[in-house]
Amino acid sequence: MPTLKGKTLGFLLVLILLVSLITPSGCAGKKEAVKGPREVLSFYLDALIGGRVDEACQNLSSGGKNSARIAAFAPGQSEEENFIRGQLAKKIHYVIKDVALMENNAEAVVEITAPDYEKVIKDLHTNLSWKELPAGSLEAHAFIASAIGRIIKNYQEKGIPMKREVETFYLVKEAGGWKVDIDGKSEKQGPS
């Protein structure tokens, strides 16, 4: 006669067997979920901003993989450059506002918030006037350190100047699914 412990164990084994038969297996005929244009664009932007250019290229249309535009995002040649890119990337955010489907094409409107690099360069230029640069090496060192320190302090107190732009990205449906058409019709609508 089976004990209560044996019945419980048998019940659990039957339950596990039933659950495994009902639940789709992760191994049998595994199919990748079809990604829509919004998901493909999001993956592309995340990879591009994060400096993972190879991953970003996986979501480019066949004509865009050798684009000169994508080459600008290639990782830097030095650890220092890659570090700076990574730090700046933390400040970039985007929101996909709208995706319009037109048969095998899609148009996505994306709001991108990023450091206002033009303002940062103007701040550097204003605070690092070459006309005021002292002639002596030690004096020049103190001048540069002080000027950069003022900029850093200002940005720590007020934050890095940011700007928001709206960009339109175009996607095309190819044999492998939706892809970003980087050289197609992607255009900037300007600051907002």
C-alpha atoms as a PDB file:
ATOM      1  CA  MET A   1       0.000   0.000   0.000  1.00  0.00           C
ATOM      2  CA  PRO A   2       1.527   3.372  -1.035  1.00  0.00           C
ATOM      3  CA  THR A   3       2.278   5.858   1.697  1.00  0.00           C
ATOM      4  CA  LEU A   4       1.159   9.494   1.729  1.00  0.00           C
ATOM      5  CA  LYS A   5       4.712  10.525   0.879  1.00  0.00           C
ATOM      6  CA  GLY A   6       4.753   8.188  -2.133  1.00  0.00           C
ATOM      7  CA  LYS A   7       1.351   9.435  -3.351  1.00  0.00           C
ATOM      8  CA  THR A   8       2.508  13.048  -3.113  1.00  0.00           C
ATOM      9  CA  LEU A   9       5.678  12.281  -5.026  1.00  0.00           C
ATOM     10  CA  GLY A  10       3.706  10.415  -7.702  1.00  0.00           C
ATOM     11  CA  PHE A  11       1.226  13.280  -7.975  1.00  0.00           C
ATOM     12  CA  LEU A  12       4.072  15.799  -8.420  1.00  0.00           C
ATOM     13  CA  LEU A  13       5.678  13.664 -11.148  1.00  0.00           C
ATOM     14  CA  VAL A  14       2.373  13.415 -13.040  1.00  0.00           C
ATOM     15  CA  LEU A  15       1.832  17.169 -12.644  1.00  0.00           C
ATOM     16  CA  ILE A  16       5.325  17.928 -13.981  1.00  0.00           C
ATOM     17  CA  LEU A  17       4.734  15.575 -16.921  1.00  0.00           C
ATOM     18  CA  LEU A  18       1.412  17.250 -17.774  1.00  0.00           C
ATOM     19  CA  VAL A  19       2.869  20.745 -17.529  1.00  0.00           C
ATOM     20  CA  SER A  20       5.779  19.771 -19.761  1.00  0.00           C
ATOM     21  CA  LEU A  21       3.400  18.323 -22.361  1.00  0.00           C
ATOM     22  CA  ILE A  22       1.104  21.342 -22.339  1.00  0.00           C
ATOM     23  CA  THR A  23       3.774  24.051 -22.235  1.00  0.00           C
ATOM     24  CA  PRO A  24       5.502  24.698 -25.563  1.00  0.00           C
ATOM     25  CA  SER A  25       9.056  23.495 -25.470  1.00  0.00           C
ATOM     26  CA  GLY A  26      11.866  25.990 -25.860  1.00  0.00           C
ATOM     27  CA  CYS A  27      13.826  23.470 -27.915  1.00  0.00           C
ATOM     28  CA  ALA A  28      11.303  22.024 -30.343  1.00  0.00           C
ATOM     29  CA  GLY A  29      10.880  24.154 -33.460  1.00  0.00           C
ATOM     30  CA  LYS A  30      12.001  27.319 -31.741  1.00  0.00           C
ATOM     31  CA  LYS A  31      10.784  30.273 -33.755  1.00  0.00           C
ATOM     32  CA  GLU A  32      12.073  33.787 -33.256  1.00  0.00           C
ATOM     33  CA  ALA A  33       9.331  36.295 -32.571  1.00  0.00           C
ATOM     34  CA  VAL A  34       8.575  38.517 -35.518  1.00  0.00           C
ATOM     35  CA  LYS A  35       9.712  42.043 -34.724  1.00  0.00           C
ATOM     36  CA  GLY A  36       7.742  44.998 -35.957  1.00  0.00           C
ATOM     37  CA  PRO A  37       9.280  48.259 -37.152  1.00  0.00           C
ATOM     38  CA  ARG A  38       9.061  49.860 -33.673  1.00  0.00           C
ATOM     39  CA  GLU A  39      11.022  47.009 -32.045  1.00  0.00           C
ATOM     40  CA  VAL A  40      13.618  46.915 -34.820  1.00  0.00           C
ATOM     41  CA  LEU A  41      14.160  50.683 -34.643  1.00  0.00           C
ATOM     42  CA  SER A  42      14.387  50.564 -30.842  1.00  0.00           C
ATOM     43  CA  PHE A  43      16.990  47.785 -30.971  1.00  0.00           C
ATOM     44  CA  TYR A  44      18.921  49.715 -33.640  1.00  0.00           C
ATOM     45  CA  LEU A  45      18.939  52.964 -31.641  1.00  0.00           C
ATOM     46  CA  ASP A  46      19.866  51.221 -28.365  1.00  0.00           C
ATOM     47  CA  ALA A  47      22.777  49.455 -30.045  1.00  0.00           C
ATOM     48  CA  LEU A  48      23.945  52.565 -31.906  1.00  0.00           C
ATOM     49  CA  ILE A  49      23.818  54.830 -28.845  1.00  0.00           C
ATOM     50  CA  GLY A  50      25.493  52.129 -26.752  1.00  0.00           C
ATOM     51  CA  GLY A  51      28.387  51.871 -29.207  1.00  0.00           C
ATOM     52  CA  ARG A  52      27.473  48.351 -30.361  1.00  0.00           C
ATOM     53  CA  VAL A  53      27.765  49.131 -34.061  1.00  0.00           C
ATOM     54  CA  ASP A  54      27.843  45.473 -35.162  1.00  0.00           C
ATOM     55  CA  GLU A  55      24.500  44.882 -33.435  1.00  0.00           C
ATOM     56  CA  ALA A  56      23.065  48.075 -34.956  1.00  0.00           C
ATOM     57  CA  CYS A  57      24.152  46.917 -38.427  1.00  0.00           C
ATOM     58  CA  GLN A  58      22.102  43.735 -38.016  1.00  0.00           C
ATOM     59  CA  ASN A  59      19.021  45.949 -38.250  1.00  0.00           C
ATOM     60  CA  LEU A  60      20.079  47.928 -41.318  1.00  0.00           C
ATOM     61  CA  SER A  61      18.582  47.382 -44.730  1.00  0.00           C
ATOM     62  CA  SER A  62      20.804  45.550 -47.194  1.00  0.00           C
ATOM     63  CA  GLY A  63      21.859  48.834 -48.813  1.00  0.00           C
ATOM     64  CA  GLY A  64      22.778  50.511 -45.513  1.00  0.00           C
ATOM     65  CA  LYS A  65      25.316  48.092 -44.079  1.00  0.00           C
ATOM     66  CA  ASN A  66      28.231  49.819 -45.865  1.00  0.00           C
ATOM     67  CA  SER A  67      26.919  53.319 -45.343  1.00  0.00           C
ATOM     68  CA  ALA A  68      29.288  56.174 -44.591  1.00  0.00           C
ATOM     69  CA  ARG A  69      26.727  57.342 -42.002  1.00  0.00           C
ATOM     70  CA  ILE A  70      27.163  54.165 -39.921  1.00  0.00           C
ATOM     71  CA  ALA A  71      30.964  54.424 -40.126  1.00  0.00           C
ATOM     72  CA  ALA A  72      30.836  57.577 -37.957  1.00  0.00           C
ATOM     73  CA  PHE A  73      29.560  55.434 -35.079  1.00  0.00           C
ATOM     74  CA  ALA A  74      32.404  52.910 -35.202  1.00  0.00           C
ATOM     75  CA  PRO A  75      34.092  52.496 -31.831  1.00  0.00           C
ATOM     76  CA  GLY A  76      37.014  54.800 -31.129  1.00  0.00           C
ATOM     77  CA  GLN A  77      40.614  53.846 -31.500  1.00  0.00           C
ATOM     78  CA  SER A  78      41.487  54.450 -27.867  1.00  0.00           C
ATOM     79  CA  GLU A  79      40.124  53.436 -24.478  1.00  0.00           C
ATOM     80  CA  GLU A  80      39.775  57.113 -23.624  1.00  0.00           C
ATOM     81  CA  GLU A  81      37.593  57.822 -26.660  1.00  0.00           C
ATOM     82  CA  ASN A  82      35.424  54.778 -25.955  1.00  0.00           C
ATOM     83  CA  PHE A  83      35.097  55.874 -22.300  1.00  0.00           C
ATOM     84  CA  ILE A  84      33.942  59.358 -23.327  1.00  0.00           C
ATOM     85  CA  ARG A  85      31.483  57.922 -25.859  1.00  0.00           C
ATOM     86  CA  GLY A  86      30.070  55.647 -23.165  1.00  0.00           C
ATOM     87  CA  GLN A  87      29.677  58.495 -20.682  1.00  0.00           C
ATOM     88  CA  LEU A  88      27.963  60.728 -23.237  1.00  0.00           C
ATOM     89  CA  ALA A  89      25.704  57.877 -24.354  1.00  0.00           C
ATOM     90  CA  LYS A  90      24.217  57.768 -20.839  1.00  0.00           C
ATOM     91  CA  LYS A  91      22.810  61.239 -21.490  1.00  0.00           C
ATOM     92  CA  ILE A  92      21.046  60.336 -24.748  1.00  0.00           C
ATOM     93  CA  HIS A  93      17.401  59.317 -24.571  1.00  0.00           C
ATOM     94  CA  TYR A  94      14.774  58.761 -27.225  1.00  0.00           C
ATOM     95  CA  VAL A  95      11.054  58.178 -27.518  1.00  0.00           C
ATOM     96  CA  ILE A  96       9.505  56.635 -30.608  1.00  0.00           C
ATOM     97  CA  LYS A  97       6.462  58.903 -30.941  1.00  0.00           C
ATOM     98  CA  ASP A  98       4.747  57.360 -33.933  1.00  0.00           C
ATOM     99  CA  VAL A  99       5.173  54.605 -36.508  1.00  0.00           C
ATOM    100  CA  ALA A 100       3.173  54.754 -39.741  1.00  0.00           C
ATOM    101  CA  LEU A 101       3.000  51.574 -41.833  1.00  0.00           C
ATOM    102  CA  MET A 102       2.720  51.779 -45.631  1.00  0.00           C
ATOM    103  CA  GLU A 103       2.775  48.227 -47.070  1.00  0.00           C
ATOM    104  CA  ASN A 104       6.474  47.237 -47.037  1.00  0.00           C
ATOM    105  CA  ASN A 105       7.670  50.584 -45.674  1.00  0.00           C
ATOM    106  CA  ALA A 106       7.370  52.330 -42.338  1.00  0.00           C
ATOM    107  CA  GLU A 107       8.044  55.850 -41.154  1.00  0.00           C
ATOM    108  CA  ALA A 108       8.907  56.429 -37.501  1.00  0.00           C
ATOM    109  CA  VAL A 109       8.999  59.771 -35.731  1.00  0.00           C
ATOM    110  CA  VAL A 110      11.544  59.771 -32.901  1.00  0.00           C
ATOM    111  CA  GLU A 111      12.182  62.456 -30.308  1.00  0.00           C
ATOM    112  CA  ILE A 112      15.850  62.394 -29.299  1.00  0.00           C
ATOM    113  CA  THR A 113      17.191  64.228 -26.253  1.00  0.00           C
ATOM    114  CA  ALA A 114      20.973  64.562 -26.206  1.00  0.00           C
ATOM    115  CA  PRO A 115      23.692  66.894 -24.964  1.00  0.00           C
ATOM    116  CA  ASP A 116      23.724  70.162 -26.868  1.00  0.00           C
ATOM    117  CA  TYR A 117      27.230  69.720 -28.230  1.00  0.00           C
ATOM    118  CA  GLU A 118      27.161  73.074 -29.989  1.00  0.00           C
ATOM    119  CA  LYS A 119      26.488  74.809 -26.642  1.00  0.00           C
ATOM    120  CA  VAL A 120      29.190  72.750 -24.909  1.00  0.00           C
ATOM    121  CA  ILE A 121      31.746  73.739 -27.556  1.00  0.00           C
ATOM    122  CA  LYS A 122      30.689  77.388 -27.260  1.00  0.00           C
ATOM    123  CA  ASP A 123      31.148  77.157 -23.469  1.00  0.00           C
ATOM    124  CA  LEU A 124      34.620  75.707 -23.978  1.00  0.00           C
ATOM    125  CA  HIS A 125      35.494  78.390 -26.492  1.00  0.00           C
ATOM    126  CA  THR A 126      34.199  81.154 -24.202  1.00  0.00           C
ATOM    127  CA  ASN A 127      36.075  79.864 -21.160  1.00  0.00           C
ATOM    128  CA  LEU A 128      39.250  78.919 -23.022  1.00  0.00           C
ATOM    129  CA  SER A 129      39.987  82.089 -24.917  1.00  0.00           C
ATOM    130  CA  TRP A 130      43.339  81.634 -26.643  1.00  0.00           C
ATOM    131  CA  LYS A 131      43.919  85.387 -26.438  1.00  0.00           C
ATOM    132  CA  GLU A 132      43.947  85.151 -22.625  1.00  0.00           C
ATOM    133  CA  LEU A 133      46.221  82.099 -22.517  1.00  0.00           C
ATOM    134  CA  PRO A 134      49.324  82.994 -20.507  1.00  0.00           C
ATOM    135  CA  ALA A 135      52.706  82.569 -22.214  1.00  0.00           C
ATOM    136  CA  GLY A 136      54.383  80.552 -19.443  1.00  0.00           C
ATOM    137  CA  SER A 137      53.759  76.795 -19.276  1.00  0.00           C
ATOM    138  CA  LEU A 138      52.870  76.750 -15.582  1.00  0.00           C
ATOM    139  CA  GLU A 139      50.596  79.776 -15.886  1.00  0.00           C
ATOM    140  CA  ALA A 140      48.926  78.229 -18.943  1.00  0.00           C
ATOM    141  CA  HIS A 141      48.423  75.000 -16.984  1.00  0.00           C
ATOM    142  CA  ALA A 142      46.723  76.897 -14.136  1.00  0.00           C
ATOM    143  CA  PHE A 143      44.589  78.877 -16.617  1.00  0.00           C
ATOM    144  CA  ILE A 144      43.368  75.751 -18.453  1.00  0.00           C
ATOM    145  CA  ALA A 145      42.704  73.819 -15.223  1.00  0.00           C
ATOM    146  CA  SER A 146      40.742  76.752 -13.812  1.00  0.00           C
ATOM    147  CA  ALA A 147      38.686  77.265 -16.981  1.00  0.00           C
ATOM    148  CA  ILE A 148      37.806  73.579 -17.304  1.00  0.00           C
ATOM    149  CA  GLY A 149      37.041  73.459 -13.576  1.00  0.00           C
ATOM    150  CA  ARG A 150      34.546  76.345 -13.984  1.00  0.00           C
ATOM    151  CA  ILE A 151      32.808  74.545 -16.840  1.00  0.00           C
ATOM    152  CA  ILE A 152      32.612  71.272 -14.900  1.00  0.00           C
ATOM    153  CA  LYS A 153      31.307  73.037 -11.777  1.00  0.00           C
ATOM    154  CA  ASN A 154      28.683  74.854 -13.843  1.00  0.00           C
ATOM    155  CA  TYR A 155      27.545  71.589 -15.476  1.00  0.00           C
ATOM    156  CA  GLN A 156      27.464  69.815 -12.111  1.00  0.00           C
ATOM    157  CA  GLU A 157      25.255  72.550 -10.668  1.00  0.00           C
ATOM    158  CA  LYS A 158      23.013  73.200 -13.667  1.00  0.00           C
ATOM    159  CA  GLY A 159      23.416  70.024 -15.684  1.00  0.00           C
ATOM    160  CA  ILE A 160      24.836  69.534 -19.139  1.00  0.00           C
ATOM    161  CA  PRO A 161      22.949  71.633 -21.682  1.00  0.00           C
ATOM    162  CA  MET A 162      20.539  69.379 -23.541  1.00  0.00           C
ATOM    163  CA  LYS A 163      18.507  69.738 -26.690  1.00  0.00           C
ATOM    164  CA  ARG A 164      15.575  67.848 -28.086  1.00  0.00           C
ATOM    165  CA  GLU A 165      15.194  67.086 -31.770  1.00  0.00           C
ATOM    166  CA  VAL A 166      12.676  65.154 -33.777  1.00  0.00           C
ATOM    167  CA  GLU A 167      14.011  62.822 -36.441  1.00  0.00           C
ATOM    168  CA  THR A 168      12.168  60.680 -38.932  1.00  0.00           C
ATOM    169  CA  PHE A 169      13.498  57.199 -39.594  1.00  0.00           C
ATOM    170  CA  TYR A 170      12.420  55.047 -42.500  1.00  0.00           C
ATOM    171  CA  LEU A 171      12.224  51.278 -42.423  1.00  0.00           C
ATOM    172  CA  VAL A 172      11.750  48.767 -45.194  1.00  0.00           C
ATOM    173  CA  LYS A 173      10.459  45.213 -45.022  1.00  0.00           C
ATOM    174  CA  GLU A 174      12.991  42.808 -46.514  1.00  0.00           C
ATOM    175  CA  ALA A 175      13.115  39.009 -46.638  1.00  0.00           C
ATOM    176  CA  GLY A 176      14.565  38.913 -43.099  1.00  0.00           C
ATOM    177  CA  GLY A 177      11.946  41.275 -41.669  1.00  0.00           C
ATOM    178  CA  TRP A 178      11.914  44.998 -40.937  1.00  0.00           C
ATOM    179  CA  LYS A 179      15.196  46.892 -41.400  1.00  0.00           C
ATOM    180  CA  VAL A 180      16.246  50.510 -40.857  1.00  0.00           C
ATOM    181  CA  ASP A 181      16.842  52.356 -44.133  1.00  0.00           C
ATOM    182  CA  ILE A 182      19.712  54.597 -42.970  1.00  0.00           C
ATOM    183  CA  ASP A 183      20.550  56.068 -46.379  1.00  0.00           C
ATOM    184  CA  GLY A 184      17.005  56.109 -47.691  1.00  0.00           C
ATOM    185  CA  LYS A 185      14.823  58.951 -46.594  1.00  0.00           C
ATOM    186  CA  SER A 186      15.885  59.475 -42.971  1.00  0.00           C
ATOM    187  CA  GLU A 187      15.734  63.202 -42.305  1.00  0.00           C
ATOM    188  CA  LYS A 188      15.988  65.650 -39.448  1.00  0.00           C
ATOM    189  CA  GLN A 189      12.996  67.880 -38.721  1.00  0.00           C
ATOM    190  CA  GLY A 190      14.957  70.214 -36.438  1.00  0.00           C
ATOM    191  CA  PRO A 191      15.027  71.248 -32.789  1.00  0.00           C
ATOM    192  CA  SER A 192      11.907  71.406 -30.708  1.00  0.00           C
END
